[in-house]
Structure formats: structure tokens, C-alpha cells
Amino acid sequence: MVHHVCLLETNPDVSDEKLEEIMVQTRIRLLKILPELSNLRVGKRIDPANSYTYFFSFDVESMDKLEQTKASAVYTQYQKQIIDAYANRISELDYEMEPGKDIRYS
């Protein structure tokens, strides 16, 4: 099981209201990819010193499933219409969640 985390820093002109809309759109759009992904989480920063404005994360069965998810029409459209339009910096992190599993086979 792979946990995918995406940290995003929004453009300076993104208002608090727009950020709320972005978070809602993230949930709506990514939930359409079910059952490929599970445990979707979306949140906004608490500490203003944190440059990442919001994040989303989810679990997928494997790195292959993650690549399929990111190549899906829904994710591709979300990337173009939300991420590319409103984020100026992105960090993506992937973690293997099964103890003892060789990450080469995730």
C-alpha cells in the first residue's frame, strides 16, 4: 500500500474563499477516481510560517496504481484546472505503508 502526499503552495493572489473552493474541488474530483484511491485527505495549513497552503493525500495499492491514477482523465483534468492554475510550488511524496515490504516492489 502506497501513501501519496501532495503539498501545494498556492499563488499569492489566491484568497481564503478561493482556497476553500479549491479544497472542495479537490475532494469532489479526486473522489471520482474511486475505487483506485482510498483514504483521501485534504487540508489547509494552520501555521502561517508553513509555505505550503494546502495538501491532499490518498492511498493506492501500488506505485503502478498511483501512475494509473495520475494518468486518469479525472486526475489529468484536476491537474490542469486546479493545480496548474493555482499552485506555484508542489512537493509530492510517496511512502510504502506495509512493514517489511521491499519498496522496489511497491
Protein backbone atom coordinates (compact mmCIF):
# COMPACT_ATOMS: atom_id res chain seq x y z
CA MET A 1 0.00 0.00 0.00
CA VAL A 2 1.40 3.38 -1.04
CA HIS A 3 0.50 6.65 0.66
CA HIS A 4 0.77 9.63 -1.72
CA VAL A 5 1.11 13.14 -0.24
CA CYS A 6 0.97 16.30 -2.31
CA LEU A 7 1.90 19.63 -0.67
CA LEU A 8 0.92 22.76 -2.58
CA GLU A 9 1.81 26.40 -2.23
CA THR A 10 -0.86 28.50 -3.89
CA ASN A 11 -0.24 31.65 -5.89
CA PRO A 12 -0.22 34.83 -3.74
CA ASP A 13 -3.48 36.05 -5.30
CA VAL A 14 -5.50 33.04 -4.06
CA SER A 15 -7.94 34.35 -1.44
CA ASP A 16 -9.15 32.41 1.58
CA GLU A 17 -12.50 31.93 -0.17
CA LYS A 18 -10.78 30.62 -3.30
CA LEU A 19 -8.70 28.23 -1.19
CA GLU A 20 -11.89 26.82 0.32
CA GLU A 21 -13.28 26.30 -3.19
CA ILE A 22 -10.03 24.61 -4.28
CA MET A 23 -10.24 22.22 -1.33
CA VAL A 24 -13.86 21.34 -2.12
CA GLN A 25 -12.99 20.79 -5.79
CA THR A 26 -10.06 18.59 -4.76
CA ARG A 27 -12.38 16.35 -2.75
CA ILE A 28 -15.10 16.23 -5.41
CA ARG A 29 -12.77 15.49 -8.30
CA LEU A 30 -10.44 13.01 -6.65
CA LEU A 31 -13.30 11.03 -5.10
CA LYS A 32 -14.40 10.28 -8.68
CA ILE A 33 -11.31 8.07 -9.00
CA LEU A 34 -12.68 5.54 -6.51
CA PRO A 35 -12.03 2.66 -6.02
CA GLU A 36 -8.45 3.21 -7.22
CA LEU A 37 -7.66 5.52 -4.33
CA SER A 38 -8.78 5.41 -0.72
CA ASN A 39 -8.42 7.47 2.45
CA LEU A 40 -8.49 10.81 0.67
CA ARG A 41 -7.48 13.67 2.93
CA VAL A 42 -7.46 17.40 2.09
CA GLY A 43 -6.38 20.12 4.49
CA LYS A 44 -5.10 23.66 4.81
CA ARG A 45 -2.19 24.99 6.77
CA ILE A 46 -2.52 26.11 10.36
CA ASP A 47 0.90 27.74 10.80
CA PRO A 48 1.32 30.79 8.52
CA ALA A 49 5.10 30.15 8.54
CA ASN A 50 4.41 26.98 6.54
CA SER A 51 4.71 27.98 2.88
CA TYR A 52 2.54 25.07 1.73
CA THR A 53 -1.01 26.39 1.71
CA TYR A 54 -2.84 23.07 1.47
CA PHE A 55 -2.30 19.38 0.91
CA PHE A 56 -4.07 16.30 -0.28
CA SER A 57 -3.15 12.69 0.30
CA PHE A 58 -4.54 9.28 -0.50
CA ASP A 59 -3.66 5.58 -0.52
CA VAL A 60 -3.31 3.36 -3.56
CA GLU A 61 -2.49 -0.32 -3.88
CA SER A 62 0.90 0.15 -5.58
CA MET A 63 3.14 2.55 -7.47
CA ASP A 64 1.63 1.16 -10.68
CA LYS A 65 -1.84 2.11 -9.42
CA LEU A 66 -0.54 5.55 -8.49
CA GLU A 67 0.73 6.07 -12.03
CA GLN A 68 -2.61 4.86 -13.43
CA THR A 69 -4.45 7.22 -11.09
CA LYS A 70 -2.31 10.19 -12.13
CA ALA A 71 -2.78 9.30 -15.80
CA SER A 72 -6.57 9.06 -15.50
CA ALA A 73 -8.72 11.65 -17.26
CA VAL A 74 -10.15 12.87 -13.95
CA TYR A 75 -6.73 13.46 -12.36
CA THR A 76 -5.29 14.99 -15.54
CA GLN A 77 -8.18 17.45 -15.72
CA TYR A 78 -7.83 18.25 -12.00
CA GLN A 79 -4.10 18.85 -12.50
CA LYS A 80 -4.69 21.29 -15.37
CA GLN A 81 -7.68 23.14 -13.95
CA ILE A 82 -6.73 23.33 -10.28
CA ILE A 83 -3.09 22.52 -9.57
CA ASP A 84 -1.56 24.21 -12.60
CA ALA A 85 -3.91 27.18 -12.33
CA TYR A 86 -3.45 27.95 -8.63
CA ALA A 87 -0.22 26.39 -7.33
CA ASN A 88 3.23 27.83 -7.81
CA ARG A 89 5.10 25.11 -5.90
CA ILE A 90 4.33 21.43 -5.41
CA SER A 91 6.06 18.67 -3.46
CA GLU A 92 4.93 15.08 -3.94
CA LEU A 93 5.96 12.36 -1.51
CA ASP A 94 5.23 8.63 -1.62
CA TYR A 95 5.52 6.20 1.29
CA GLU A 96 5.26 2.42 1.49
CA MET A 97 2.89 1.58 4.34
CA GLU A 98 3.42 -2.17 4.71
CA PRO A 99 6.15 -3.06 7.22
CA GLY A 100 8.75 -5.39 5.78
CA LYS A 101 7.74 -4.86 2.17
CA ASP A 102 10.62 -4.20 -0.21
CA ILE A 103 9.94 -0.75 -1.66
CA ARG A 104 11.32 -1.85 -5.03
CA TYR A 105 8.11 -3.86 -5.40
CA SER A 106 5.65 -1.26 -4.17
